[in-house]
Each structure stands twice: as structure tokens, then as C-alpha cells.
Amino acid sequence: MKVNTQAVNFNANPELLNFVQERMNKLDTYFDKVIKSDVFLKVENTSGKENKVFEARVSVPGDSFVVKKQCKSFEEGADIAIASLERQLKKRKEKLRAHL
């Protein structure tokens, strides 16, 4: 799957980009008709420790899913957000099977 990753307000290192790509590729096992996915990594200027925002938009035929998580690290945010996307894609696939 092609993942378009954008880092906002900072330069992302290649290890972080590879981590996001690998985690997003696992979504193909749950729903194989993913058209594209966009990931936005943002650092907010707040005094709190949870200033990293991971936002993912996954487009499937007829719908798109958006998940936004704010955590201490991008890896933690990615894990939580992608787990949420997995649940949404499973639910979508079950609905499509029920209509067949």
C-alpha cells in the first residue's frame, strides 16, 4: 500500500517513516481494497508531554476513515491509531460480507 507521510513542524527521521510504513502495510491483511492512505505527523507547541499528534486517513471504495491520536511519542500514537483503523476496517469488511 502506498502511504503518503507528511511531517509537520519537524523533519522526520527515516526510522520513524519506515516504522509508520510497516505498521500501515499491516492494514492490507484486514481490508485489501485500500485505495490510499495519508499520514500526518505533527508536533504541537504545548507545555505538556503529549505534544505528538499522529493522524491517519485511509481511503477505501465509497468511504474513508480518519483517526487522530495525541501521545508522548509517534510510535505510541501510531500503534493506538492503527489498532483503531484495524477495528474499523474489520467492521467495514463484515458489513460488505453481510450484504452479499
PDB file of N, CA and C in Angstrom:
ATOM      1  N   MET A   1       0.842  -1.170   0.000  1.00  0.00           N
ATOM      2  CA  MET A   1       0.000   0.000   0.000  1.00  0.00           C
ATOM      3  C   MET A   1       0.891   1.238   0.000  1.00  0.00           C
ATOM      4  N   LYS A   2       0.489   2.231  -0.746  1.00  0.00           N
ATOM      5  CA  LYS A   2       1.224   3.491  -0.804  1.00  0.00           C
ATOM      6  C   LYS A   2       0.782   4.369   0.354  1.00  0.00           C
ATOM      7  N   VAL A   3       1.730   4.738   1.184  1.00  0.00           N
ATOM      8  CA  VAL A   3       1.451   5.592   2.331  1.00  0.00           C
ATOM      9  C   VAL A   3       2.138   6.930   2.103  1.00  0.00           C
ATOM     10  N   ASN A   4       1.347   7.987   2.058  1.00  0.00           N
ATOM     11  CA  ASN A   4       1.870   9.340   1.904  1.00  0.00           C
ATOM     12  C   ASN A   4       2.052   9.921   3.307  1.00  0.00           C
ATOM     13  N   THR A   5       3.300  10.056   3.754  1.00  0.00           N
ATOM     14  CA  THR A   5       3.588  10.536   5.100  1.00  0.00           C
ATOM     15  C   THR A   5       4.124  11.952   5.037  1.00  0.00           C
ATOM     16  N   GLN A   6       3.525  12.822   5.860  1.00  0.00           N
ATOM     17  CA  GLN A   6       3.966  14.212   5.923  1.00  0.00           C
ATOM     18  C   GLN A   6       4.290  14.565   7.365  1.00  0.00           C
ATOM     19  N   ALA A   7       5.445  15.152   7.573  1.00  0.00           N
ATOM     20  CA  ALA A   7       5.846  15.618   8.898  1.00  0.00           C
ATOM     21  C   ALA A   7       5.637  17.130   8.955  1.00  0.00           C
ATOM     22  N   VAL A   8       4.859  17.583   9.922  1.00  0.00           N
ATOM     23  CA  VAL A   8       4.523  18.993  10.048  1.00  0.00           C
ATOM     24  C   VAL A   8       5.308  19.577  11.228  1.00  0.00           C
ATOM     25  N   ASN A   9       5.985  20.667  11.016  1.00  0.00           N
ATOM     26  CA  ASN A   9       6.764  21.404  12.022  1.00  0.00           C
ATOM     27  C   ASN A   9       8.041  20.705  12.477  1.00  0.00           C
ATOM     28  N   PHE A  10       8.482  19.647  11.785  1.00  0.00           N
ATOM     29  CA  PHE A  10       9.743  19.000  12.113  1.00  0.00           C
ATOM     30  C   PHE A  10      10.162  18.114  10.950  1.00  0.00           C
ATOM     31  N   ASN A  11      11.401  17.647  10.982  1.00  0.00           N
ATOM     32  CA  ASN A  11      11.908  16.721   9.971  1.00  0.00           C
ATOM     33  C   ASN A  11      11.909  15.320  10.567  1.00  0.00           C
ATOM     34  N   ALA A  12      11.167  14.407   9.944  1.00  0.00           N
ATOM     35  CA  ALA A  12      11.078  13.032  10.443  1.00  0.00           C
ATOM     36  C   ALA A  12      12.293  12.238  10.002  1.00  0.00           C
ATOM     37  N   ASN A  13      12.817  11.423  10.913  1.00  0.00           N
ATOM     38  CA  ASN A  13      13.961  10.588  10.543  1.00  0.00           C
ATOM     39  C   ASN A  13      13.470   9.358   9.778  1.00  0.00           C
ATOM     40  N   PRO A  14      14.325   8.736   8.982  1.00  0.00           N
ATOM     41  CA  PRO A  14      13.912   7.591   8.157  1.00  0.00           C
ATOM     42  C   PRO A  14      13.396   6.402   8.963  1.00  0.00           C
ATOM     43  N   GLU A  15      13.919   6.197  10.192  1.00  0.00           N
ATOM     44  CA  GLU A  15      13.436   5.080  11.013  1.00  0.00           C
ATOM     45  C   GLU A  15      11.960   5.250  11.365  1.00  0.00           C
ATOM     46  N   LEU A  16      11.555   6.474  11.692  1.00  0.00           N
ATOM     47  CA  LEU A  16      10.156   6.748  12.013  1.00  0.00           C
ATOM     48  C   LEU A  16       9.283   6.537  10.777  1.00  0.00           C
ATOM     49  N   LEU A  17       9.741   6.994   9.620  1.00  0.00           N
ATOM     50  CA  LEU A  17       8.970   6.824   8.390  1.00  0.00           C
ATOM     51  C   LEU A  17       8.828   5.340   8.028  1.00  0.00           C
ATOM     52  N   ASN A  18       9.893   4.559   8.212  1.00  0.00           N
ATOM     53  CA  ASN A  18       9.823   3.116   7.954  1.00  0.00           C
ATOM     54  C   ASN A  18       8.879   2.423   8.922  1.00  0.00           C
ATOM     55  N   PHE A  19       8.913   2.847  10.197  1.00  0.00           N
ATOM     56  CA  PHE A  19       8.015   2.275  11.203  1.00  0.00           C
ATOM     57  C   PHE A  19       6.554   2.501  10.810  1.00  0.00           C
ATOM     58  N   VAL A  20       6.238   3.730  10.418  1.00  0.00           N
ATOM     59  CA  VAL A  20       4.865   4.064  10.021  1.00  0.00           C
ATOM     60  C   VAL A  20       4.463   3.258   8.785  1.00  0.00           C
ATOM     61  N   GLN A  21       5.360   3.147   7.808  1.00  0.00           N
ATOM     62  CA  GLN A  21       5.070   2.392   6.579  1.00  0.00           C
ATOM     63  C   GLN A  21       4.787   0.922   6.896  1.00  0.00           C
ATOM     64  N   GLU A  22       5.613   0.308   7.748  1.00  0.00           N
ATOM     65  CA  GLU A  22       5.421  -1.103   8.099  1.00  0.00           C
ATOM     66  C   GLU A  22       4.100  -1.325   8.815  1.00  0.00           C
ATOM     67  N   ARG A  23       3.782  -0.438   9.765  1.00  0.00           N
ATOM     68  CA  ARG A  23       2.527  -0.590  10.519  1.00  0.00           C
ATOM     69  C   ARG A  23       1.309  -0.391   9.600  1.00  0.00           C
ATOM     70  N   MET A  24       1.383   0.574   8.696  1.00  0.00           N
ATOM     71  CA  MET A  24       0.258   0.822   7.796  1.00  0.00           C
ATOM     72  C   MET A  24       0.105  -0.323   6.792  1.00  0.00           C
ATOM     73  N   ASN A  25       1.203  -0.967   6.399  1.00  0.00           N
ATOM     74  CA  ASN A  25       1.125  -2.100   5.474  1.00  0.00           C
ATOM     75  C   ASN A  25       0.349  -3.258   6.073  1.00  0.00           C
ATOM     76  N   LYS A  26       0.330  -3.385   7.392  1.00  0.00           N
ATOM     77  CA  LYS A  26      -0.401  -4.472   8.042  1.00  0.00           C
ATOM     78  C   LYS A  26      -1.913  -4.321   7.881  1.00  0.00           C
ATOM     79  N   LEU A  27      -2.373  -3.105   7.539  1.00  0.00           N
ATOM     80  CA  LEU A  27      -3.810  -2.903   7.340  1.00  0.00           C
ATOM     81  C   LEU A  27      -4.315  -3.675   6.121  1.00  0.00           C
ATOM     82  N   ASP A  28      -3.425  -3.979   5.174  1.00  0.00           N
ATOM     83  CA  ASP A  28      -3.824  -4.738   3.983  1.00  0.00           C
ATOM     84  C   ASP A  28      -4.338  -6.127   4.345  1.00  0.00           C
ATOM     85  N   THR A  29      -3.912  -6.682   5.464  1.00  0.00           N
ATOM     86  CA  THR A  29      -4.375  -8.015   5.854  1.00  0.00           C
ATOM     87  C   THR A  29      -5.836  -7.981   6.310  1.00  0.00           C
ATOM     88  N   TYR A  30      -6.312  -6.815   6.737  1.00  0.00           N
ATOM     89  CA  TYR A  30      -7.685  -6.711   7.224  1.00  0.00           C
ATOM     90  C   TYR A  30      -8.665  -6.277   6.147  1.00  0.00           C
ATOM     91  N   PHE A  31      -8.202  -5.480   5.202  1.00  0.00           N
ATOM     92  CA  PHE A  31      -9.074  -4.994   4.132  1.00  0.00           C
ATOM     93  C   PHE A  31      -8.186  -4.734   2.926  1.00  0.00           C
ATOM     94  N   ASP A  32      -8.345  -5.537   1.872  1.00  0.00           N
ATOM     95  CA  ASP A  32      -7.407  -5.486   0.754  1.00  0.00           C
ATOM     96  C   ASP A  32      -7.745  -4.450  -0.308  1.00  0.00           C
ATOM     97  N   LYS A  33      -8.839  -3.724  -0.156  1.00  0.00           N
ATOM     98  CA  LYS A  33      -9.235  -2.753  -1.172  1.00  0.00           C
ATOM     99  C   LYS A  33      -8.912  -1.315  -0.762  1.00  0.00           C
ATOM    100  N   VAL A  34      -7.857  -1.118   0.010  1.00  0.00           N
ATOM    101  CA  VAL A  34      -7.460   0.227   0.421  1.00  0.00           C
ATOM    102  C   VAL A  34      -6.901   0.967  -0.792  1.00  0.00           C
ATOM    103  N   ILE A  35      -7.457   2.136  -1.073  1.00  0.00           N
ATOM    104  CA  ILE A  35      -7.034   2.914  -2.235  1.00  0.00           C
ATOM    105  C   ILE A  35      -5.738   3.658  -1.923  1.00  0.00           C
ATOM    106  N   LYS A  36      -5.756   4.434  -0.848  1.00  0.00           N
ATOM    107  CA  LYS A  36      -4.560   5.177  -0.453  1.00  0.00           C
ATOM    108  C   LYS A  36      -4.663   5.521   1.015  1.00  0.00           C
ATOM    109  N   SER A  37      -3.538   5.915   1.568  1.00  0.00           N
ATOM    110  CA  SER A  37      -3.537   6.345   2.960  1.00  0.00           C
ATOM    111  C   SER A  37      -2.601   7.531   3.123  1.00  0.00           C
ATOM    112  N   ASP A  38      -3.035   8.487   3.908  1.00  0.00           N
ATOM    113  CA  ASP A  38      -2.249   9.681   4.212  1.00  0.00           C
ATOM    114  C   ASP A  38      -1.986   9.706   5.707  1.00  0.00           C
ATOM    115  N   VAL A  39      -0.746   9.970   6.091  1.00  0.00           N
ATOM    116  CA  VAL A  39      -0.369  10.054   7.496  1.00  0.00           C
ATOM    117  C   VAL A  39       0.247  11.422   7.735  1.00  0.00           C
ATOM    118  N   PHE A  40      -0.216  12.086   8.790  1.00  0.00           N
ATOM    119  CA  PHE A  40       0.318  13.379   9.170  1.00  0.00           C
ATOM    120  C   PHE A  40       0.921  13.261  10.563  1.00  0.00           C
ATOM    121  N   LEU A  41       2.189  13.599  10.687  1.00  0.00           N
ATOM    122  CA  LEU A  41       2.880  13.602  11.970  1.00  0.00           C
ATOM    123  C   LEU A  41       3.091  15.061  12.359  1.00  0.00           C
ATOM    124  N   LYS A  42       2.532  15.466  13.501  1.00  0.00           N
ATOM    125  CA  LYS A  42       2.598  16.876  13.898  1.00  0.00           C
ATOM    126  C   LYS A  42       3.176  16.990  15.302  1.00  0.00           C
ATOM    127  N   VAL A  43       3.936  18.046  15.518  1.00  0.00           N
ATOM    128  CA  VAL A  43       4.416  18.392  16.849  1.00  0.00           C
ATOM    129  C   VAL A  43       3.746  19.703  17.226  1.00  0.00           C
ATOM    130  N   GLU A  44       2.980  19.661  18.322  1.00  0.00           N
ATOM    131  CA  GLU A  44       2.295  20.870  18.762  1.00  0.00           C
ATOM    132  C   GLU A  44       3.137  21.601  19.793  1.00  0.00           C
ATOM    133  N   ASN A  45       3.041  22.906  19.800  1.00  0.00           N
ATOM    134  CA  ASN A  45       3.798  23.726  20.756  1.00  0.00           C
ATOM    135  C   ASN A  45       2.991  23.886  22.039  1.00  0.00           C
ATOM    136  N   THR A  46       2.991  22.825  22.846  1.00  0.00           N
ATOM    137  CA  THR A  46       2.314  22.872  24.136  1.00  0.00           C
ATOM    138  C   THR A  46       3.322  22.527  25.219  1.00  0.00           C
ATOM    139  N   SER A  47       2.998  22.869  26.449  1.00  0.00           N
ATOM    140  CA  SER A  47       3.922  22.591  27.548  1.00  0.00           C
ATOM    141  C   SER A  47       3.802  21.150  28.037  1.00  0.00           C
ATOM    142  N   GLY A  48       2.721  20.445  27.662  1.00  0.00           N
ATOM    143  CA  GLY A  48       2.529  19.066  28.100  1.00  0.00           C
ATOM    144  C   GLY A  48       3.440  18.095  27.373  1.00  0.00           C
ATOM    145  N   LYS A  49       3.576  16.900  27.952  1.00  0.00           N
ATOM    146  CA  LYS A  49       4.432  15.880  27.336  1.00  0.00           C
ATOM    147  C   LYS A  49       3.773  15.250  26.121  1.00  0.00           C
ATOM    148  N   GLU A  50       2.455  15.216  26.094  1.00  0.00           N
ATOM    149  CA  GLU A  50       1.741  14.596  24.973  1.00  0.00           C
ATOM    150  C   GLU A  50       1.529  15.637  23.877  1.00  0.00           C
ATOM    151  N   ASN A  51       2.618  15.979  23.186  1.00  0.00           N
ATOM    152  CA  ASN A  51       2.533  17.008  22.146  1.00  0.00           C
ATOM    153  C   ASN A  51       2.725  16.435  20.749  1.00  0.00           C
ATOM    154  N   LYS A  52       2.764  15.119  20.604  1.00  0.00           N
ATOM    155  CA  LYS A  52       2.925  14.481  19.294  1.00  0.00           C
ATOM    156  C   LYS A  52       1.557  14.003  18.808  1.00  0.00           C
ATOM    157  N   VAL A  53       1.196  14.409  17.602  1.00  0.00           N
ATOM    158  CA  VAL A  53      -0.108  14.046  17.045  1.00  0.00           C
ATOM    159  C   VAL A  53       0.112  13.158  15.824  1.00  0.00           C
ATOM    160  N   PHE A  54      -0.525  11.990  15.834  1.00  0.00           N
ATOM    161  CA  PHE A  54      -0.482  11.052  14.708  1.00  0.00           C
ATOM    162  C   PHE A  54      -1.885  11.039  14.107  1.00  0.00           C
ATOM    163  N   GLU A  55      -1.989  11.442  12.857  1.00  0.00           N
ATOM    164  CA  GLU A  55      -3.285  11.464  12.176  1.00  0.00           C
ATOM    165  C   GLU A  55      -3.178  10.645  10.898  1.00  0.00           C
ATOM    166  N   ALA A  56      -4.116   9.721  10.710  1.00  0.00           N
ATOM    167  CA  ALA A  56      -4.106   8.863   9.525  1.00  0.00           C
ATOM    168  C   ALA A  56      -5.461   8.922   8.849  1.00  0.00           C
ATOM    169  N   ARG A  57      -5.436   9.008   7.515  1.00  0.00           N
ATOM    170  CA  ARG A  57      -6.656   8.989   6.704  1.00  0.00           C
ATOM    171  C   ARG A  57      -6.502   7.854   5.704  1.00  0.00           C
ATOM    172  N   VAL A  58      -7.403   6.869   5.783  1.00  0.00           N
ATOM    173  CA  VAL A  58      -7.355   5.706   4.898  1.00  0.00           C
ATOM    174  C   VAL A  58      -8.581   5.751   4.005  1.00  0.00           C
ATOM    175  N   SER A  59      -8.361   5.714   2.693  1.00  0.00           N
ATOM    176  CA  SER A  59      -9.457   5.758   1.726  1.00  0.00           C
ATOM    177  C   SER A  59      -9.732   4.367   1.190  1.00  0.00           C
ATOM    178  N   VAL A  60     -11.002   3.965   1.280  1.00  0.00           N
ATOM    179  CA  VAL A  60     -11.473   2.701   0.719  1.00  0.00           C
ATOM    180  C   VAL A  60     -12.609   3.036  -0.232  1.00  0.00           C
ATOM    181  N   PRO A  61     -12.984   2.127  -1.119  1.00  0.00           N
ATOM    182  CA  PRO A  61     -14.072   2.440  -2.052  1.00  0.00           C
ATOM    183  C   PRO A  61     -15.359   2.845  -1.323  1.00  0.00           C
ATOM    184  N   GLY A  62     -15.817   4.049  -1.592  1.00  0.00           N
ATOM    185  CA  GLY A  62     -17.072   4.530  -1.026  1.00  0.00           C
ATOM    186  C   GLY A  62     -16.972   5.137   0.355  1.00  0.00           C
ATOM    187  N   ASP A  63     -15.803   5.171   0.962  1.00  0.00           N
ATOM    188  CA  ASP A  63     -15.692   5.676   2.326  1.00  0.00           C
ATOM    189  C   ASP A  63     -14.245   6.028   2.633  1.00  0.00           C
ATOM    190  N   SER A  64     -14.038   6.732   3.721  1.00  0.00           N
ATOM    191  CA  SER A  64     -12.684   6.967   4.213  1.00  0.00           C
ATOM    192  C   SER A  64     -12.743   7.021   5.736  1.00  0.00           C
ATOM    193  N   PHE A  65     -11.661   6.595   6.355  1.00  0.00           N
ATOM    194  CA  PHE A  65     -11.570   6.554   7.811  1.00  0.00           C
ATOM    195  C   PHE A  65     -10.467   7.499   8.249  1.00  0.00           C
ATOM    196  N   VAL A  66     -10.750   8.287   9.287  1.00  0.00           N
ATOM    197  CA  VAL A  66      -9.775   9.225   9.819  1.00  0.00           C
ATOM    198  C   VAL A  66      -9.609   8.936  11.305  1.00  0.00           C
ATOM    199  N   VAL A  67      -8.354   8.808  11.730  1.00  0.00           N
ATOM    200  CA  VAL A  67      -8.050   8.574  13.133  1.00  0.00           C
ATOM    201  C   VAL A  67      -6.977   9.575  13.539  1.00  0.00           C
ATOM    202  N   LYS A  68      -7.188  10.209  14.700  1.00  0.00           N
ATOM    203  CA  LYS A  68      -6.230  11.197  15.194  1.00  0.00           C
ATOM    204  C   LYS A  68      -5.945  10.874  16.654  1.00  0.00           C
ATOM    205  N   LYS A  69      -4.667  10.677  16.975  1.00  0.00           N
ATOM    206  CA  LYS A  69      -4.263  10.352  18.345  1.00  0.00           C
ATOM    207  C   LYS A  69      -3.139  11.274  18.777  1.00  0.00           C
ATOM    208  N   GLN A  70      -3.196  11.698  20.043  1.00  0.00           N
ATOM    209  CA  GLN A  70      -2.169  12.557  20.614  1.00  0.00           C
ATOM    210  C   GLN A  70      -1.506  11.806  21.752  1.00  0.00           C
ATOM    211  N   CYS A  71      -0.192  11.603  21.645  1.00  0.00           N
ATOM    212  CA  CYS A  71       0.542  10.800  22.621  1.00  0.00           C
ATOM    213  C   CYS A  71       1.910  11.407  22.899  1.00  0.00           C
ATOM    214  N   LYS A  72       2.688  10.690  23.738  1.00  0.00           N
ATOM    215  CA  LYS A  72       4.036  11.141  24.078  1.00  0.00           C
ATOM    216  C   LYS A  72       5.023  10.897  22.950  1.00  0.00           C
ATOM    217  N   SER A  73       4.791   9.840  22.162  1.00  0.00           N
ATOM    218  CA  SER A  73       5.693   9.534  21.044  1.00  0.00           C
ATOM    219  C   SER A  73       4.866   9.175  19.816  1.00  0.00           C
ATOM    220  N   PHE A  74       5.482   9.317  18.657  1.00  0.00           N
ATOM    221  CA  PHE A  74       4.784   8.981  17.419  1.00  0.00           C
ATOM    222  C   PHE A  74       4.541   7.481  17.321  1.00  0.00           C
ATOM    223  N   GLU A  75       5.466   6.673  17.854  1.00  0.00           N
ATOM    224  CA  GLU A  75       5.307   5.219  17.797  1.00  0.00           C
ATOM    225  C   GLU A  75       4.079   4.775  18.589  1.00  0.00           C
ATOM    226  N   GLU A  76       3.911   5.346  19.778  1.00  0.00           N
ATOM    227  CA  GLU A  76       2.746   5.016  20.606  1.00  0.00           C
ATOM    228  C   GLU A  76       1.456   5.456  19.919  1.00  0.00           C
ATOM    229  N   GLY A  77       1.462   6.661  19.368  1.00  0.00           N
ATOM    230  CA  GLY A  77       0.294   7.166  18.661  1.00  0.00           C
ATOM    231  C   GLY A  77      -0.039   6.313  17.451  1.00  0.00           C
ATOM    232  N   ALA A  78       0.999   5.878  16.730  1.00  0.00           N
ATOM    233  CA  ALA A  78       0.788   5.027  15.553  1.00  0.00           C
ATOM    234  C   ALA A  78       0.162   3.700  15.959  1.00  0.00           C
ATOM    235  N   ASP A  79       0.665   3.084  17.021  1.00  0.00           N
ATOM    236  CA  ASP A  79       0.127   1.794  17.466  1.00  0.00           C
ATOM    237  C   ASP A  79      -1.353   1.909  17.838  1.00  0.00           C
ATOM    238  N   ILE A  80      -1.701   2.939  18.585  1.00  0.00           N
ATOM    239  CA  ILE A  80      -3.090   3.118  19.023  1.00  0.00           C
ATOM    240  C   ILE A  80      -3.996   3.438  17.833  1.00  0.00           C
ATOM    241  N   ALA A  81      -3.554   4.348  16.968  1.00  0.00           N
ATOM    242  CA  ALA A  81      -4.369   4.767  15.826  1.00  0.00           C
ATOM    243  C   ALA A  81      -4.562   3.620  14.840  1.00  0.00           C
ATOM    244  N   ILE A  82      -3.516   2.851  14.579  1.00  0.00           N
ATOM    245  CA  ILE A  82      -3.619   1.764  13.613  1.00  0.00           C
ATOM    246  C   ILE A  82      -4.465   0.632  14.165  1.00  0.00           C
ATOM    247  N   ALA A  83      -4.422   0.409  15.484  1.00  0.00           N
ATOM    248  CA  ALA A  83      -5.312  -0.581  16.086  1.00  0.00           C
ATOM    249  C   ALA A  83      -6.770  -0.164  15.897  1.00  0.00           C
ATOM    250  N   SER A  84      -7.037   1.119  16.022  1.00  0.00           N
ATOM    251  CA  SER A  84      -8.386   1.635  15.798  1.00  0.00           C
ATOM    252  C   SER A  84      -8.797   1.470  14.335  1.00  0.00           C
ATOM    253  N   LEU A  85      -7.876   1.757  13.410  1.00  0.00           N
ATOM    254  CA  LEU A  85      -8.167   1.566  11.986  1.00  0.00           C
ATOM    255  C   LEU A  85      -8.427   0.095  11.663  1.00  0.00           C
ATOM    256  N   GLU A  86      -7.685  -0.817  12.310  1.00  0.00           N
ATOM    257  CA  GLU A  86      -7.909  -2.244  12.092  1.00  0.00           C
ATOM    258  C   GLU A  86      -9.339  -2.624  12.453  1.00  0.00           C
ATOM    259  N   ARG A  87      -9.811  -2.135  13.606  1.00  0.00           N
ATOM    260  CA  ARG A  87     -11.191  -2.431  14.024  1.00  0.00           C
ATOM    261  C   ARG A  87     -12.198  -1.880  13.019  1.00  0.00           C
ATOM    262  N   GLN A  88     -11.977  -0.649  12.552  1.00  0.00           N
ATOM    263  CA  GLN A  88     -12.907  -0.032  11.603  1.00  0.00           C
ATOM    264  C   GLN A  88     -12.931  -0.786  10.280  1.00  0.00           C
ATOM    265  N   LEU A  89     -11.751  -1.205   9.809  1.00  0.00           N
ATOM    266  CA  LEU A  89     -11.693  -1.929   8.533  1.00  0.00           C
ATOM    267  C   LEU A  89     -12.326  -3.313   8.655  1.00  0.00           C
ATOM    268  N   LYS A  90     -12.140  -3.988   9.789  1.00  0.00           N
ATOM    269  CA  LYS A  90     -12.790  -5.289  10.010  1.00  0.00           C
ATOM    270  C   LYS A  90     -14.305  -5.128   9.988  1.00  0.00           C
ATOM    271  N   LYS A  91     -14.780  -4.087  10.666  1.00  0.00           N
ATOM    272  CA  LYS A  91     -16.222  -3.827  10.723  1.00  0.00           C
ATOM    273  C   LYS A  91     -16.778  -3.547   9.325  1.00  0.00           C
ATOM    274  N   ARG A  92     -16.053  -2.771   8.550  1.00  0.00           N
ATOM    275  CA  ARG A  92     -16.462  -2.452   7.174  1.00  0.00           C
ATOM    276  C   ARG A  92     -16.531  -3.715   6.322  1.00  0.00           C
ATOM    277  N   LYS A  93     -15.530  -4.587   6.480  1.00  0.00           N
ATOM    278  CA  LYS A  93     -15.479  -5.816   5.708  1.00  0.00           C
ATOM    279  C   LYS A  93     -16.650  -6.741   6.087  1.00  0.00           C
ATOM    280  N   GLU A  94     -16.974  -6.810   7.365  1.00  0.00           N
ATOM    281  CA  GLU A  94     -18.096  -7.634   7.811  1.00  0.00           C
ATOM    282  C   GLU A  94     -19.414  -7.108   7.243  1.00  0.00           C
ATOM    283  N   LYS A  95     -19.565  -5.781   7.190  1.00  0.00           N
ATOM    284  CA  LYS A  95     -20.779  -5.201   6.615  1.00  0.00           C
ATOM    285  C   LYS A  95     -20.890  -5.556   5.137  1.00  0.00           C
ATOM    286  N   LEU A  96     -19.780  -5.472   4.418  1.00  0.00           N
ATOM    287  CA  LEU A  96     -19.805  -5.814   2.995  1.00  0.00           C
ATOM    288  C   LEU A  96     -20.140  -7.283   2.783  1.00  0.00           C
ATOM    289  N   ARG A  97     -19.644  -8.153   3.635  1.00  0.00           N
ATOM    290  CA  ARG A  97     -19.956  -9.592   3.510  1.00  0.00           C
ATOM    291  C   ARG A  97     -21.420  -9.880   3.821  1.00  0.00           C
ATOM    292  N   ALA A  98     -21.998  -9.128   4.754  1.00  0.00           N
ATOM    293  CA  ALA A  98     -23.382  -9.343   5.130  1.00  0.00           C
ATOM    294  C   ALA A  98     -24.326  -8.985   3.980  1.00  0.00           C
ATOM    295  N   HIS A  99     -23.925  -8.050   3.150  1.00  0.00           N
ATOM    296  CA  HIS A  99     -24.783  -7.637   2.036  1.00  0.00           C
ATOM    297  C   HIS A  99     -24.671  -8.544   0.816  1.00  0.00           C
ATOM    298  N   LEU A 100     -23.687  -9.416   0.777  1.00  0.00           N
ATOM    299  CA  LEU A 100     -23.526 -10.302  -0.371  1.00  0.00           C
ATOM    300  C   LEU A 100     -24.413 -11.518  -0.293  1.00  0.00           C
TER     301      LEU A 100
END
